[in-house]
Amino acid sequence: MNAADIMTPDVITARPDTPLEELVDLMLANRISGLPVVDSGIIVGIVSEGDLLRRAETGTEKRRSQLLELFSSTAMIAADYVRTHGRKASEIMTTDLITVSPDTPIAEIANILESRRIKRVPVVVDGKVLGIVTRANLLKALATHLRAEPAPVSSDDRSIRKALLEEFRHHKWASQVAQFDVTVQDGVVHLWGIVRGEDHRRAMVVAAENTPGVKNVADHLEDGTLIALQVPSM
Protein backbone atom coordinates (compact mmCIF):
# COMPACT_ATOMS: atom_id res chain seq x y z
CA MET A 1 0.00 0.00 0.00
CA ASN A 2 1.15 3.50 -0.82
CA ALA A 3 0.28 7.02 0.33
CA ALA A 4 -2.44 7.33 -2.34
CA ASP A 5 -4.21 4.27 -0.90
CA ILE A 6 -4.65 5.64 2.62
CA MET A 7 -4.32 9.45 2.45
CA THR A 8 -7.13 11.76 3.46
CA PRO A 9 -8.09 13.77 0.36
CA ASP A 10 -9.64 17.25 0.23
CA VAL A 11 -7.28 18.55 2.89
CA ILE A 12 -8.30 21.54 4.99
CA THR A 13 -5.71 24.24 4.38
CA ALA A 14 -4.89 27.79 5.44
CA ARG A 15 -3.47 30.80 3.61
CA PRO A 16 -0.30 32.63 4.68
CA ASP A 17 -2.49 35.52 5.89
CA THR A 18 -4.98 33.33 7.78
CA PRO A 19 -5.37 34.89 11.28
CA LEU A 20 -4.34 32.97 14.39
CA GLU A 21 -7.94 32.85 15.65
CA GLU A 22 -9.11 31.22 12.41
CA LEU A 23 -6.27 28.66 12.53
CA VAL A 24 -7.31 27.60 16.01
CA ASP A 25 -11.00 27.48 15.05
CA LEU A 26 -10.24 25.32 12.00
CA MET A 27 -8.30 22.81 14.09
CA LEU A 28 -10.92 22.60 16.82
CA ALA A 29 -13.96 22.48 14.52
CA ASN A 30 -12.47 19.74 12.34
CA ARG A 31 -10.70 17.91 15.17
CA ILE A 32 -7.34 18.00 13.41
CA SER A 33 -3.91 18.70 14.84
CA GLY A 34 -2.36 20.44 11.86
CA LEU A 35 -3.05 21.96 8.46
CA PRO A 36 -0.93 22.87 5.43
CA VAL A 37 -0.48 26.52 4.47
CA VAL A 38 -1.00 27.07 0.74
CA ASP A 39 -0.13 30.13 -1.34
CA SER A 40 -1.44 30.28 -4.94
CA GLY A 41 -2.02 26.54 -4.88
CA ILE A 42 1.50 25.68 -3.64
CA ILE A 43 2.29 24.45 -0.14
CA VAL A 44 4.60 26.86 1.71
CA GLY A 45 4.37 25.60 5.28
CA ILE A 46 2.36 23.75 7.87
CA VAL A 47 0.85 24.83 11.18
CA SER A 48 0.49 22.16 13.85
CA GLU A 49 -0.48 21.99 17.49
CA GLY A 50 3.23 22.02 18.29
CA ASP A 51 3.57 25.44 16.67
CA LEU A 52 0.86 26.77 18.99
CA LEU A 53 2.00 25.23 22.28
CA ARG A 54 4.39 28.08 23.08
CA ARG A 55 2.30 31.28 23.02
CA ALA A 56 2.57 34.60 24.76
CA GLU A 57 -1.20 34.68 25.33
CA THR A 58 -1.06 31.59 27.56
CA GLY A 59 2.28 32.39 29.16
CA THR A 60 3.86 29.25 27.72
CA GLU A 61 6.55 30.81 25.53
CA LYS A 62 10.11 29.60 26.13
CA ARG A 63 12.03 31.52 28.74
CA ARG A 64 15.80 31.30 28.39
CA SER A 65 18.13 31.55 31.33
CA GLN A 66 20.43 34.56 31.32
CA LEU A 67 23.36 32.29 30.43
CA LEU A 68 21.52 30.72 27.48
CA GLU A 69 20.34 34.16 26.37
CA LEU A 70 23.95 35.31 26.35
CA PHE A 71 24.99 32.53 23.94
CA SER A 72 21.90 32.70 21.72
CA SER A 73 22.06 34.79 18.57
CA THR A 74 19.76 37.79 18.33
CA ALA A 75 18.34 36.27 15.12
CA MET A 76 17.33 33.12 16.99
CA ILE A 77 15.74 35.14 19.78
CA ALA A 78 13.90 37.31 17.25
CA ALA A 79 12.62 34.20 15.40
CA ASP A 80 11.29 32.75 18.66
CA TYR A 81 9.54 36.03 19.39
CA VAL A 82 7.78 35.95 16.01
CA ARG A 83 6.59 32.36 16.55
CA THR A 84 5.22 33.05 20.02
CA HIS A 85 3.67 36.43 19.22
CA GLY A 86 2.77 36.10 15.52
CA ARG A 87 -0.85 36.65 14.55
CA LYS A 88 -1.05 34.92 11.15
CA ALA A 89 -0.09 31.61 9.58
CA SER A 90 3.02 32.87 7.78
CA GLU A 91 4.50 34.03 11.10
CA ILE A 92 3.75 30.79 12.97
CA MET A 93 4.10 28.00 10.42
CA THR A 94 6.94 25.55 10.07
CA THR A 95 8.61 26.05 6.68
CA ASP A 96 11.04 23.11 6.85
CA LEU A 97 8.55 20.87 5.06
CA ILE A 98 8.59 17.10 4.99
CA THR A 99 6.38 15.72 2.23
CA VAL A 100 5.79 12.45 0.36
CA SER A 101 4.51 11.54 -3.10
CA PRO A 102 1.35 9.48 -3.83
CA ASP A 103 3.45 6.37 -4.54
CA THR A 104 5.51 6.53 -1.34
CA PRO A 105 5.14 3.14 0.46
CA ILE A 106 3.37 3.35 3.81
CA ALA A 107 6.36 1.62 5.45
CA GLU A 108 8.51 4.58 4.44
CA ILE A 109 5.86 7.00 5.71
CA ALA A 110 5.80 5.23 9.07
CA ASN A 111 9.58 5.58 9.29
CA ILE A 112 9.33 9.30 8.50
CA LEU A 113 6.66 9.94 11.12
CA GLU A 114 8.62 8.00 13.74
CA SER A 115 12.11 9.32 13.01
CA ARG A 116 11.01 12.95 12.60
CA ARG A 117 8.59 12.73 15.53
CA ILE A 118 5.75 14.26 13.54
CA LYS A 119 2.08 13.32 13.36
CA ARG A 120 1.31 13.98 9.70
CA VAL A 121 2.91 14.37 6.29
CA PRO A 122 1.36 16.07 3.23
CA VAL A 123 1.13 14.13 -0.03
CA VAL A 124 2.43 16.52 -2.68
CA VAL A 125 2.98 16.59 -6.45
CA ASP A 126 4.67 19.62 -8.01
CA GLY A 127 4.03 21.61 -4.84
CA LYS A 128 0.29 20.92 -4.85
CA VAL A 129 -1.29 19.13 -1.89
CA LEU A 130 -3.23 16.03 -2.99
CA GLY A 131 -3.88 14.69 0.48
CA ILE A 132 -2.39 14.12 3.90
CA VAL A 133 -1.29 10.98 5.76
CA THR A 134 -1.50 11.03 9.55
CA ARG A 135 -0.68 8.45 12.17
CA ALA A 136 -4.42 7.80 12.34
CA ASN A 137 -4.43 6.93 8.63
CA LEU A 138 -1.75 4.32 9.26
CA LEU A 139 -3.72 2.87 12.16
CA LYS A 140 -6.82 2.65 9.97
CA ALA A 141 -4.81 0.86 7.29
CA LEU A 142 -3.60 -1.60 9.94
CA ALA A 143 -7.14 -2.14 11.22
CA THR A 144 -8.34 -2.81 7.67
CA HIS A 145 -5.54 -5.30 7.15
CA LEU A 146 -6.27 -7.11 10.41
CA ARG A 147 -9.93 -7.51 9.44
CA ALA A 148 -9.11 -9.13 6.10
CA GLU A 149 -6.98 -11.90 4.66
CA PRO A 150 -3.53 -10.55 3.80
CA ALA A 151 -3.53 -9.40 0.18
CA PRO A 152 -2.11 -6.53 -1.83
CA VAL A 153 -4.37 -3.66 -2.75
CA SER A 154 -5.63 -4.41 -6.25
CA SER A 155 -6.33 -1.98 -9.04
CA ASP A 156 -10.02 -2.79 -8.48
CA ASP A 157 -9.78 -1.67 -4.85
CA ARG A 158 -8.18 1.59 -5.95
CA SER A 159 -10.89 2.11 -8.56
CA ILE A 160 -13.59 1.54 -5.94
CA ARG A 161 -11.98 4.03 -3.54
CA LYS A 162 -11.59 6.61 -6.30
CA ALA A 163 -15.19 6.21 -7.45
CA LEU A 164 -16.55 6.41 -3.91
CA LEU A 165 -14.54 9.52 -3.03
CA GLU A 166 -15.77 11.13 -6.24
CA GLU A 167 -19.38 10.29 -5.28
CA PHE A 168 -18.95 11.83 -1.84
CA ARG A 169 -17.59 15.05 -3.37
CA HIS A 170 -20.97 15.57 -5.04
CA HIS A 171 -22.89 15.66 -1.73
CA LYS A 172 -22.85 18.40 0.90
CA TRP A 173 -23.59 15.97 3.74
CA ALA A 174 -20.41 14.05 2.95
CA SER A 175 -18.27 17.18 3.28
CA GLN A 176 -19.45 17.60 6.88
CA VAL A 177 -17.88 14.35 8.11
CA ALA A 178 -14.86 15.14 10.31
CA GLN A 179 -11.69 13.03 10.04
CA PHE A 180 -13.23 11.31 7.03
CA ASP A 181 -11.36 8.47 5.36
CA VAL A 182 -12.02 5.43 3.18
CA THR A 183 -9.94 2.29 2.82
CA VAL A 184 -10.75 -0.66 0.55
CA GLN A 185 -9.46 -4.23 0.84
CA ASP A 186 -10.62 -7.04 -1.46
CA GLY A 187 -13.78 -5.14 -2.36
CA VAL A 188 -14.70 -4.41 1.27
CA VAL A 189 -15.11 -0.68 1.96
CA HIS A 190 -14.14 0.59 5.41
CA LEU A 191 -15.67 3.95 6.33
CA TRP A 192 -14.05 6.12 9.02
CA GLY A 193 -14.94 9.50 10.46
CA ILE A 194 -17.25 11.43 12.76
CA VAL A 195 -20.74 12.04 11.37
CA ARG A 196 -23.41 14.52 12.42
CA GLY A 197 -26.12 12.01 13.24
CA GLU A 198 -27.59 8.74 12.06
CA ASP A 199 -28.90 10.15 8.77
CA HIS A 200 -25.39 11.09 7.70
CA ARG A 201 -24.13 7.63 8.67
CA ARG A 202 -26.81 5.85 6.61
CA ALA A 203 -26.12 8.08 3.61
CA MET A 204 -22.40 7.25 3.74
CA VAL A 205 -23.09 3.52 3.98
CA VAL A 206 -25.68 3.54 1.18
CA ALA A 207 -23.32 5.44 -1.11
CA ALA A 208 -20.65 2.81 -0.48
CA GLU A 209 -23.09 -0.08 -1.01
CA ASN A 210 -24.12 1.37 -4.39
CA THR A 211 -20.56 1.72 -5.67
CA PRO A 212 -19.82 -0.84 -8.41
CA GLY A 213 -17.49 -3.63 -7.27
CA VAL A 214 -18.19 -3.26 -3.55
CA LYS A 215 -18.72 -6.61 -1.83
CA ASN A 216 -19.41 -5.34 1.66
CA VAL A 217 -19.24 -2.20 3.81
CA ALA A 218 -17.56 -2.05 7.23
CA ASP A 219 -18.98 0.92 9.15
CA HIS A 220 -16.48 2.44 11.61
CA LEU A 221 -18.20 5.84 11.65
CA GLU A 222 -18.74 7.59 14.98
CA ASP A 223 -21.74 9.75 15.84
CA GLY A 224 -20.43 13.20 16.74
CA THR A 225 -23.70 14.17 18.42
CA LEU A 226 -23.30 11.31 20.89
CA ILE A 227 -19.67 12.22 21.50
CA ALA A 228 -20.71 15.78 22.33
CA LEU A 229 -23.32 14.53 24.80
CA GLN A 230 -20.68 12.43 26.57
CA VAL A 231 -18.38 15.42 27.19
CA PRO A 232 -18.83 16.45 30.85
CA SER A 233 -19.96 20.03 31.41
CA MET A 234 -17.58 22.37 33.23
C-alpha atoms as a PDB file:
ATOM      1  CA  MET A   1       0.000   0.000   0.000  1.00  0.00           C
ATOM      2  CA  ASN A   2       1.153   3.504  -0.823  1.00  0.00           C
ATOM      3  CA  ALA A   3       0.278   7.025   0.327  1.00  0.00           C
ATOM      4  CA  ALA A   4      -2.444   7.331  -2.336  1.00  0.00           C
ATOM      5  CA  ASP A   5      -4.214   4.266  -0.903  1.00  0.00           C
ATOM      6  CA  ILE A   6      -4.647   5.639   2.618  1.00  0.00           C
ATOM      7  CA  MET A   7      -4.317   9.445   2.449  1.00  0.00           C
ATOM      8  CA  THR A   8      -7.127  11.758   3.456  1.00  0.00           C
ATOM      9  CA  PRO A   9      -8.091  13.774   0.357  1.00  0.00           C
ATOM     10  CA  ASP A  10      -9.644  17.251   0.229  1.00  0.00           C
ATOM     11  CA  VAL A  11      -7.281  18.546   2.888  1.00  0.00           C
ATOM     12  CA  ILE A  12      -8.303  21.540   4.986  1.00  0.00           C
ATOM     13  CA  THR A  13      -5.706  24.242   4.377  1.00  0.00           C
ATOM     14  CA  ALA A  14      -4.890  27.789   5.435  1.00  0.00           C
ATOM     15  CA  ARG A  15      -3.468  30.797   3.609  1.00  0.00           C
ATOM     16  CA  PRO A  16      -0.299  32.631   4.681  1.00  0.00           C
ATOM     17  CA  ASP A  17      -2.491  35.520   5.888  1.00  0.00           C
ATOM     18  CA  THR A  18      -4.981  33.327   7.783  1.00  0.00           C
ATOM     19  CA  PRO A  19      -5.373  34.894  11.276  1.00  0.00           C
ATOM     20  CA  LEU A  20      -4.343  32.975  14.386  1.00  0.00           C
ATOM     21  CA  GLU A  21      -7.935  32.853  15.649  1.00  0.00           C
ATOM     22  CA  GLU A  22      -9.106  31.220  12.409  1.00  0.00           C
ATOM     23  CA  LEU A  23      -6.275  28.662  12.528  1.00  0.00           C
ATOM     24  CA  VAL A  24      -7.306  27.598  16.010  1.00  0.00           C
ATOM     25  CA  ASP A  25     -10.997  27.481  15.053  1.00  0.00           C
ATOM     26  CA  LEU A  26     -10.239  25.320  12.000  1.00  0.00           C
ATOM     27  CA  MET A  27      -8.301  22.809  14.092  1.00  0.00           C
ATOM     28  CA  LEU A  28     -10.920  22.604  16.818  1.00  0.00           C
ATOM     29  CA  ALA A  29     -13.955  22.481  14.524  1.00  0.00           C
ATOM     30  CA  ASN A  30     -12.473  19.737  12.343  1.00  0.00           C
ATOM     31  CA  ARG A  31     -10.702  17.911  15.172  1.00  0.00           C
ATOM     32  CA  ILE A  32      -7.344  17.997  13.409  1.00  0.00           C
ATOM     33  CA  SER A  33      -3.906  18.704  14.836  1.00  0.00           C
ATOM     34  CA  GLY A  34      -2.355  20.438  11.856  1.00  0.00           C
ATOM     35  CA  LEU A  35      -3.050  21.955   8.464  1.00  0.00           C
ATOM     36  CA  PRO A  36      -0.931  22.873   5.432  1.00  0.00           C
ATOM     37  CA  VAL A  37      -0.484  26.519   4.472  1.00  0.00           C
ATOM     38  CA  VAL A  38      -1.005  27.066   0.739  1.00  0.00           C
ATOM     39  CA  ASP A  39      -0.127  30.133  -1.340  1.00  0.00           C
ATOM     40  CA  SER A  40      -1.437  30.284  -4.938  1.00  0.00           C
ATOM     41  CA  GLY A  41      -2.017  26.536  -4.880  1.00  0.00           C
ATOM     42  CA  ILE A  42       1.500  25.679  -3.642  1.00  0.00           C
ATOM     43  CA  ILE A  43       2.288  24.452  -0.138  1.00  0.00           C
ATOM     44  CA  VAL A  44       4.600  26.856   1.708  1.00  0.00           C
ATOM     45  CA  GLY A  45       4.374  25.601   5.284  1.00  0.00           C
ATOM     46  CA  ILE A  46       2.364  23.747   7.866  1.00  0.00           C
ATOM     47  CA  VAL A  47       0.848  24.830  11.175  1.00  0.00           C
ATOM     48  CA  SER A  48       0.489  22.164  13.854  1.00  0.00           C
ATOM     49  CA  GLU A  49      -0.479  21.986  17.494  1.00  0.00           C
ATOM     50  CA  GLY A  50       3.229  22.023  18.291  1.00  0.00           C
ATOM     51  CA  ASP A  51       3.567  25.439  16.671  1.00  0.00           C
ATOM     52  CA  LEU A  52       0.863  26.769  18.986  1.00  0.00           C
ATOM     53  CA  LEU A  53       1.998  25.233  22.276  1.00  0.00           C
ATOM     54  CA  ARG A  54       4.385  28.079  23.077  1.00  0.00           C
ATOM     55  CA  ARG A  55       2.303  31.276  23.024  1.00  0.00           C
ATOM     56  CA  ALA A  56       2.572  34.605  24.765  1.00  0.00           C
ATOM     57  CA  GLU A  57      -1.198  34.677  25.332  1.00  0.00           C
ATOM     58  CA  THR A  58      -1.065  31.590  27.565  1.00  0.00           C
ATOM     59  CA  GLY A  59       2.278  32.392  29.157  1.00  0.00           C
ATOM     60  CA  THR A  60       3.858  29.249  27.720  1.00  0.00           C
ATOM     61  CA  GLU A  61       6.551  30.812  25.530  1.00  0.00           C
ATOM     62  CA  LYS A  62      10.106  29.598  26.133  1.00  0.00           C
ATOM     63  CA  ARG A  63      12.033  31.521  28.735  1.00  0.00           C
ATOM     64  CA  ARG A  64      15.799  31.302  28.393  1.00  0.00           C
ATOM     65  CA  SER A  65      18.134  31.552  31.328  1.00  0.00           C
ATOM     66  CA  GLN A  66      20.430  34.559  31.322  1.00  0.00           C
ATOM     67  CA  LEU A  67      23.359  32.294  30.428  1.00  0.00           C
ATOM     68  CA  LEU A  68      21.516  30.724  27.480  1.00  0.00           C
ATOM     69  CA  GLU A  69      20.343  34.163  26.371  1.00  0.00           C
ATOM     70  CA  LEU A  70      23.955  35.314  26.346  1.00  0.00           C
ATOM     71  CA  PHE A  71      24.992  32.531  23.941  1.00  0.00           C
ATOM     72  CA  SER A  72      21.900  32.699  21.718  1.00  0.00           C
ATOM     73  CA  SER A  73      22.059  34.793  18.567  1.00  0.00           C
ATOM     74  CA  THR A  74      19.763  37.787  18.333  1.00  0.00           C
ATOM     75  CA  ALA A  75      18.343  36.272  15.121  1.00  0.00           C
ATOM     76  CA  MET A  76      17.326  33.125  16.989  1.00  0.00           C
ATOM     77  CA  ILE A  77      15.739  35.145  19.783  1.00  0.00           C
ATOM     78  CA  ALA A  78      13.899  37.308  17.251  1.00  0.00           C
ATOM     79  CA  ALA A  79      12.616  34.203  15.404  1.00  0.00           C
ATOM     80  CA  ASP A  80      11.288  32.751  18.662  1.00  0.00           C
ATOM     81  CA  TYR A  81       9.536  36.028  19.390  1.00  0.00           C
ATOM     82  CA  VAL A  82       7.783  35.946  16.008  1.00  0.00           C
ATOM     83  CA  ARG A  83       6.594  32.365  16.546  1.00  0.00           C
ATOM     84  CA  THR A  84       5.224  33.050  20.023  1.00  0.00           C
ATOM     85  CA  HIS A  85       3.672  36.428  19.216  1.00  0.00           C
ATOM     86  CA  GLY A  86       2.771  36.097  15.521  1.00  0.00           C
ATOM     87  CA  ARG A  87      -0.849  36.650  14.547  1.00  0.00           C
ATOM     88  CA  LYS A  88      -1.052  34.924  11.154  1.00  0.00           C
ATOM     89  CA  ALA A  89      -0.090  31.607   9.579  1.00  0.00           C
ATOM     90  CA  SER A  90       3.022  32.875   7.776  1.00  0.00           C
ATOM     91  CA  GLU A  91       4.500  34.025  11.098  1.00  0.00           C
ATOM     92  CA  ILE A  92       3.748  30.790  12.970  1.00  0.00           C
ATOM     93  CA  MET A  93       4.101  28.003  10.419  1.00  0.00           C
ATOM     94  CA  THR A  94       6.943  25.545  10.071  1.00  0.00           C
ATOM     95  CA  THR A  95       8.610  26.047   6.682  1.00  0.00           C
ATOM     96  CA  ASP A  96      11.038  23.107   6.852  1.00  0.00           C
ATOM     97  CA  LEU A  97       8.551  20.868   5.058  1.00  0.00           C
ATOM     98  CA  ILE A  98       8.587  17.098   4.993  1.00  0.00           C
ATOM     99  CA  THR A  99       6.377  15.723   2.225  1.00  0.00           C
ATOM    100  CA  VAL A 100       5.793  12.454   0.363  1.00  0.00           C
ATOM    101  CA  SER A 101       4.507  11.536  -3.097  1.00  0.00           C
ATOM    102  CA  PRO A 102       1.351   9.483  -3.833  1.00  0.00           C
ATOM    103  CA  ASP A 103       3.448   6.365  -4.545  1.00  0.00           C
ATOM    104  CA  THR A 104       5.509   6.532  -1.337  1.00  0.00           C
ATOM    105  CA  PRO A 105       5.143   3.145   0.459  1.00  0.00           C
ATOM    106  CA  ILE A 106       3.374   3.354   3.808  1.00  0.00           C
ATOM    107  CA  ALA A 107       6.362   1.623   5.451  1.00  0.00           C
ATOM    108  CA  GLU A 108       8.508   4.583   4.436  1.00  0.00           C
ATOM    109  CA  ILE A 109       5.855   7.002   5.711  1.00  0.00           C
ATOM    110  CA  ALA A 110       5.800   5.227   9.066  1.00  0.00           C
ATOM    111  CA  ASN A 111       9.583   5.585   9.288  1.00  0.00           C
ATOM    112  CA  ILE A 112       9.334   9.304   8.497  1.00  0.00           C
ATOM    113  CA  LEU A 113       6.658   9.937  11.124  1.00  0.00           C
ATOM    114  CA  GLU A 114       8.623   8.000  13.743  1.00  0.00           C
ATOM    115  CA  SER A 115      12.114   9.316  13.006  1.00  0.00           C
ATOM    116  CA  ARG A 116      11.013  12.947  12.600  1.00  0.00           C
ATOM    117  CA  ARG A 117       8.592  12.734  15.529  1.00  0.00           C
ATOM    118  CA  ILE A 118       5.751  14.257  13.540  1.00  0.00           C
ATOM    119  CA  LYS A 119       2.078  13.315  13.361  1.00  0.00           C
ATOM    120  CA  ARG A 120       1.310  13.984   9.701  1.00  0.00           C
ATOM    121  CA  VAL A 121       2.907  14.374   6.287  1.00  0.00           C
ATOM    122  CA  PRO A 122       1.356  16.074   3.233  1.00  0.00           C
ATOM    123  CA  VAL A 123       1.128  14.129  -0.030  1.00  0.00           C
ATOM    124  CA  VAL A 124       2.432  16.521  -2.682  1.00  0.00           C
ATOM    125  CA  VAL A 125       2.984  16.585  -6.451  1.00  0.00           C
ATOM    126  CA  ASP A 126       4.670  19.620  -8.007  1.00  0.00           C
ATOM    127  CA  GLY A 127       4.033  21.609  -4.838  1.00  0.00           C
ATOM    128  CA  LYS A 128       0.289  20.920  -4.852  1.00  0.00           C
ATOM    129  CA  VAL A 129      -1.289  19.126  -1.891  1.00  0.00           C
ATOM    130  CA  LEU A 130      -3.227  16.031  -2.993  1.00  0.00           C
ATOM    131  CA  GLY A 131      -3.881  14.689   0.480  1.00  0.00           C
ATOM    132  CA  ILE A 132      -2.390  14.117   3.900  1.00  0.00           C
ATOM    133  CA  VAL A 133      -1.294  10.980   5.759  1.00  0.00           C
ATOM    134  CA  THR A 134      -1.502  11.030   9.547  1.00  0.00           C
ATOM    135  CA  ARG A 135      -0.684   8.454  12.173  1.00  0.00           C
ATOM    136  CA  ALA A 136      -4.419   7.802  12.339  1.00  0.00           C
ATOM    137  CA  ASN A 137      -4.433   6.933   8.626  1.00  0.00           C
ATOM    138  CA  LEU A 138      -1.747   4.324   9.261  1.00  0.00           C
ATOM    139  CA  LEU A 139      -3.716   2.871  12.164  1.00  0.00           C
ATOM    140  CA  LYS A 140      -6.823   2.647   9.968  1.00  0.00           C
ATOM    141  CA  ALA A 141      -4.806   0.857   7.291  1.00  0.00           C
ATOM    142  CA  LEU A 142      -3.596  -1.595   9.939  1.00  0.00           C
ATOM    143  CA  ALA A 143      -7.140  -2.137  11.216  1.00  0.00           C
ATOM    144  CA  THR A 144      -8.340  -2.813   7.671  1.00  0.00           C
ATOM    145  CA  HIS A 145      -5.538  -5.304   7.145  1.00  0.00           C
ATOM    146  CA  LEU A 146      -6.272  -7.109  10.406  1.00  0.00           C
ATOM    147  CA  ARG A 147      -9.926  -7.512   9.440  1.00  0.00           C
ATOM    148  CA  ALA A 148      -9.115  -9.135   6.102  1.00  0.00           C
ATOM    149  CA  GLU A 149      -6.985 -11.897   4.660  1.00  0.00           C
ATOM    150  CA  PRO A 150      -3.532 -10.546   3.802  1.00  0.00           C
ATOM    151  CA  ALA A 151      -3.535  -9.404   0.176  1.00  0.00           C
ATOM    152  CA  PRO A 152      -2.110  -6.532  -1.826  1.00  0.00           C
ATOM    153  CA  VAL A 153      -4.374  -3.659  -2.748  1.00  0.00           C
ATOM    154  CA  SER A 154      -5.631  -4.412  -6.247  1.00  0.00           C
ATOM    155  CA  SER A 155      -6.327  -1.978  -9.038  1.00  0.00           C
ATOM    156  CA  ASP A 156     -10.021  -2.789  -8.484  1.00  0.00           C
ATOM    157  CA  ASP A 157      -9.776  -1.665  -4.850  1.00  0.00           C
ATOM    158  CA  ARG A 158      -8.185   1.586  -5.945  1.00  0.00           C
ATOM    159  CA  SER A 159     -10.890   2.111  -8.557  1.00  0.00           C
ATOM    160  CA  ILE A 160     -13.589   1.542  -5.937  1.00  0.00           C
ATOM    161  CA  ARG A 161     -11.979   4.033  -3.541  1.00  0.00           C
ATOM    162  CA  LYS A 162     -11.585   6.613  -6.298  1.00  0.00           C
ATOM    163  CA  ALA A 163     -15.195   6.206  -7.449  1.00  0.00           C
ATOM    164  CA  LEU A 164     -16.552   6.412  -3.905  1.00  0.00           C
ATOM    165  CA  LEU A 165     -14.540   9.525  -3.027  1.00  0.00           C
ATOM    166  CA  GLU A 166     -15.775  11.126  -6.238  1.00  0.00           C
ATOM    167  CA  GLU A 167     -19.378  10.290  -5.282  1.00  0.00           C
ATOM    168  CA  PHE A 168     -18.950  11.835  -1.835  1.00  0.00           C
ATOM    169  CA  ARG A 169     -17.585  15.051  -3.368  1.00  0.00           C
ATOM    170  CA  HIS A 170     -20.970  15.572  -5.038  1.00  0.00           C
ATOM    171  CA  HIS A 171     -22.889  15.656  -1.734  1.00  0.00           C
ATOM    172  CA  LYS A 172     -22.851  18.397   0.904  1.00  0.00           C
ATOM    173  CA  TRP A 173     -23.591  15.968   3.741  1.00  0.00           C
ATOM    174  CA  ALA A 174     -20.408  14.045   2.955  1.00  0.00           C
ATOM    175  CA  SER A 175     -18.267  17.183   3.281  1.00  0.00           C
ATOM    176  CA  GLN A 176     -19.451  17.599   6.884  1.00  0.00           C
ATOM    177  CA  VAL A 177     -17.881  14.352   8.114  1.00  0.00           C
ATOM    178  CA  ALA A 178     -14.858  15.142  10.305  1.00  0.00           C
ATOM    179  CA  GLN A 179     -11.693  13.034  10.042  1.00  0.00           C
ATOM    180  CA  PHE A 180     -13.233  11.307   7.027  1.00  0.00           C
ATOM    181  CA  ASP A 181     -11.357   8.468   5.363  1.00  0.00           C
ATOM    182  CA  VAL A 182     -12.020   5.431   3.177  1.00  0.00           C
ATOM    183  CA  THR A 183      -9.945   2.286   2.815  1.00  0.00           C
ATOM    184  CA  VAL A 184     -10.747  -0.665   0.546  1.00  0.00           C
ATOM    185  CA  GLN A 185      -9.457  -4.228   0.841  1.00  0.00           C
ATOM    186  CA  ASP A 186     -10.620  -7.037  -1.456  1.00  0.00           C
ATOM    187  CA  GLY A 187     -13.782  -5.140  -2.356  1.00  0.00           C
ATOM    188  CA  VAL A 188     -14.702  -4.411   1.273  1.00  0.00           C
ATOM    189  CA  VAL A 189     -15.109  -0.683   1.957  1.00  0.00           C
ATOM    190  CA  HIS A 190     -14.138   0.591   5.409  1.00  0.00           C
ATOM    191  CA  LEU A 191     -15.669   3.954   6.333  1.00  0.00           C
ATOM    192  CA  TRP A 192     -14.052   6.120   9.021  1.00  0.00           C
ATOM    193  CA  GLY A 193     -14.939   9.503  10.461  1.00  0.00           C
ATOM    194  CA  ILE A 194     -17.255  11.429  12.757  1.00  0.00           C
ATOM    195  CA  VAL A 195     -20.743  12.043  11.374  1.00  0.00           C
ATOM    196  CA  ARG A 196     -23.410  14.524  12.417  1.00  0.00           C
ATOM    197  CA  GLY A 197     -26.116  12.012  13.243  1.00  0.00           C
ATOM    198  CA  GLU A 198     -27.590   8.740  12.057  1.00  0.00           C
ATOM    199  CA  ASP A 199     -28.899  10.154   8.767  1.00  0.00           C
ATOM    200  CA  HIS A 200     -25.386  11.086   7.703  1.00  0.00           C
ATOM    201  CA  ARG A 201     -24.135   7.626   8.670  1.00  0.00           C
ATOM    202  CA  ARG A 202     -26.809   5.851   6.612  1.00  0.00           C
ATOM    203  CA  ALA A 203     -26.115   8.079   3.605  1.00  0.00           C
ATOM    204  CA  MET A 204     -22.401   7.253   3.739  1.00  0.00           C
ATOM    205  CA  VAL A 205     -23.085   3.519   3.984  1.00  0.00           C
ATOM    206  CA  VAL A 206     -25.682   3.540   1.184  1.00  0.00           C
ATOM    207  CA  ALA A 207     -23.322   5.436  -1.106  1.00  0.00           C
ATOM    208  CA  ALA A 208     -20.651   2.808  -0.479  1.00  0.00           C
ATOM    209  CA  GLU A 209     -23.086  -0.077  -1.010  1.00  0.00           C
ATOM    210  CA  ASN A 210     -24.117   1.371  -4.386  1.00  0.00           C
ATOM    211  CA  THR A 211     -20.563   1.720  -5.669  1.00  0.00           C
ATOM    212  CA  PRO A 212     -19.815  -0.839  -8.412  1.00  0.00           C
ATOM    213  CA  GLY A 213     -17.489  -3.626  -7.267  1.00  0.00           C
ATOM    214  CA  VAL A 214     -18.189  -3.261  -3.546  1.00  0.00           C
ATOM    215  CA  LYS A 215     -18.723  -6.612  -1.830  1.00  0.00           C
ATOM    216  CA  ASN A 216     -19.414  -5.335   1.665  1.00  0.00           C
ATOM    217  CA  VAL A 217     -19.236  -2.198   3.814  1.00  0.00           C
ATOM    218  CA  ALA A 218     -17.558  -2.048   7.228  1.00  0.00           C
ATOM    219  CA  ASP A 219     -18.978   0.923   9.154  1.00  0.00           C
ATOM    220  CA  HIS A 220     -16.481   2.437  11.615  1.00  0.00           C
ATOM    221  CA  LEU A 221     -18.198   5.840  11.651  1.00  0.00           C
ATOM    222  CA  GLU A 222     -18.744   7.585  14.983  1.00  0.00           C
ATOM    223  CA  ASP A 223     -21.739   9.751  15.840  1.00  0.00           C
ATOM    224  CA  GLY A 224     -20.429  13.203  16.736  1.00  0.00           C
ATOM    225  CA  THR A 225     -23.697  14.171  18.425  1.00  0.00           C
ATOM    226  CA  LEU A 226     -23.305  11.313  20.889  1.00  0.00           C
ATOM    227  CA  ILE A 227     -19.667  12.215  21.498  1.00  0.00           C
ATOM    228  CA  ALA A 228     -20.706  15.783  22.326  1.00  0.00           C
ATOM    229  CA  LEU A 229     -23.319  14.534  24.805  1.00  0.00           C
ATOM    230  CA  GLN A 230     -20.677  12.435  26.569  1.00  0.00           C
ATOM    231  CA  VAL A 231     -18.380  15.425  27.191  1.00  0.00           C
ATOM    232  CA  PRO A 232     -18.833  16.450  30.851  1.00  0.00           C
ATOM    233  CA  SER A 233     -19.958  20.030  31.414  1.00  0.00           C
ATOM    234  CA  MET A 234     -17.576  22.371  33.231  1.00  0.00           C
END
